[in-house]
Amino acid sequence: QYQKSTDLLLKPTHIFQQLVRAIVREHRDQRTRFASAALAYLQQIADTYLTELLNAANHCAIFAHRETVMPKDINMVRTMRGERL
């Protein structure tokens, strides 16, 4: 069902926007403002990143003869990509 749709997986956009604003408030000025298009783009990028990460982790699980993605699969993918854990 999700593979056939083009909808975002992170559905409630207002919750995602609140999360982004809270993170920015912790690290930047309290008065930072966002254009709605910028928040929509951030949400699309986050959705794409998570989809690709979980897809690659699924391949790792299949390679290990498992059907369930485990945290070690996600850590392996992130390590191979050169991301900090």
Protein backbone atom coordinates (compact mmCIF):
# COMPACT_ATOMS: atom_id res chain seq x y z
CA GLN A 1 0.00 0.00 0.00
CA TYR A 2 2.71 2.50 0.98
CA GLN A 3 4.93 1.52 -1.93
CA LYS A 4 2.17 2.32 -4.43
CA SER A 5 1.32 5.73 -3.00
CA THR A 6 3.23 8.97 -3.44
CA ASP A 7 2.04 10.44 -0.13
CA LEU A 8 4.48 11.35 2.59
CA LEU A 9 4.96 8.73 5.25
CA LEU A 10 5.33 11.40 7.93
CA LYS A 11 1.66 12.34 7.74
CA PRO A 12 0.79 14.98 10.32
CA THR A 13 2.59 17.95 8.79
CA HIS A 14 1.82 20.27 11.70
CA ILE A 15 3.55 17.89 14.13
CA PHE A 16 6.64 17.74 11.90
CA GLN A 17 6.66 21.54 11.67
CA GLN A 18 6.41 21.86 15.46
CA LEU A 19 9.33 19.46 15.84
CA VAL A 20 11.50 21.43 13.39
CA ARG A 21 10.66 24.70 15.12
CA ALA A 22 11.45 23.22 18.56
CA ILE A 23 14.83 21.94 17.37
CA VAL A 24 15.70 25.30 15.82
CA ARG A 25 14.63 27.12 19.00
CA GLU A 26 17.05 24.99 21.03
CA HIS A 27 20.01 25.84 18.80
CA ARG A 28 19.24 29.24 17.30
CA ASP A 29 17.42 32.48 17.79
CA GLN A 30 13.88 32.37 19.19
CA ARG A 31 12.65 34.56 16.33
CA THR A 32 13.62 32.27 13.45
CA ARG A 33 10.82 32.00 10.91
CA PHE A 34 10.24 29.50 8.10
CA ALA A 35 8.44 29.75 4.81
CA SER A 36 5.80 27.06 4.47
CA ALA A 37 7.51 25.80 1.30
CA ALA A 38 10.78 25.38 3.22
CA LEU A 39 9.07 23.29 5.90
CA ALA A 40 7.33 21.18 3.26
CA TYR A 41 10.68 20.61 1.54
CA LEU A 42 12.33 19.62 4.83
CA GLN A 43 9.54 17.16 5.45
CA GLN A 44 9.91 15.66 1.98
CA ILE A 45 13.67 15.28 2.46
CA ALA A 46 13.21 13.66 5.89
CA ASP A 47 10.65 11.27 4.44
CA THR A 48 12.95 10.32 1.56
CA TYR A 49 15.91 9.83 3.91
CA LEU A 50 13.95 7.55 6.23
CA THR A 51 12.52 5.56 3.34
CA GLU A 52 15.97 4.97 1.83
CA LEU A 53 17.50 4.17 5.23
CA LEU A 54 14.86 1.59 6.05
CA ASN A 55 15.06 0.09 2.57
CA ALA A 56 18.82 -0.38 2.88
CA ALA A 57 18.40 -1.76 6.42
CA ASN A 58 15.85 -4.22 5.06
CA HIS A 59 18.42 -5.42 2.51
CA CYS A 60 20.90 -5.95 5.36
CA ALA A 61 18.33 -8.00 7.26
CA ILE A 62 17.58 -10.09 4.18
CA PHE A 63 21.31 -10.67 3.65
CA ALA A 64 21.50 -11.92 7.26
CA HIS A 65 18.61 -14.32 6.53
CA ARG A 66 16.19 -12.41 8.74
CA GLU A 67 12.80 -10.93 7.98
CA THR A 68 12.91 -8.29 10.70
CA VAL A 69 14.94 -5.08 10.56
CA MET A 70 16.95 -4.66 13.75
CA PRO A 71 18.80 -1.63 15.11
CA LYS A 72 22.11 -3.20 14.13
CA ASP A 73 20.96 -3.16 10.48
CA ILE A 74 20.22 0.56 10.66
CA ASN A 75 23.55 1.18 12.41
CA MET A 76 25.36 -0.77 9.71
CA VAL A 77 23.75 1.26 6.94
CA ARG A 78 24.56 4.52 8.69
CA THR A 79 28.15 3.41 9.24
CA MET A 80 28.55 2.43 5.58
CA ARG A 81 27.19 5.83 4.57
CA GLY A 82 29.72 7.53 6.83
CA GLU A 83 27.12 9.03 9.16
CA ARG A 84 27.88 9.59 12.81
CA LEU A 85 26.10 7.30 15.21
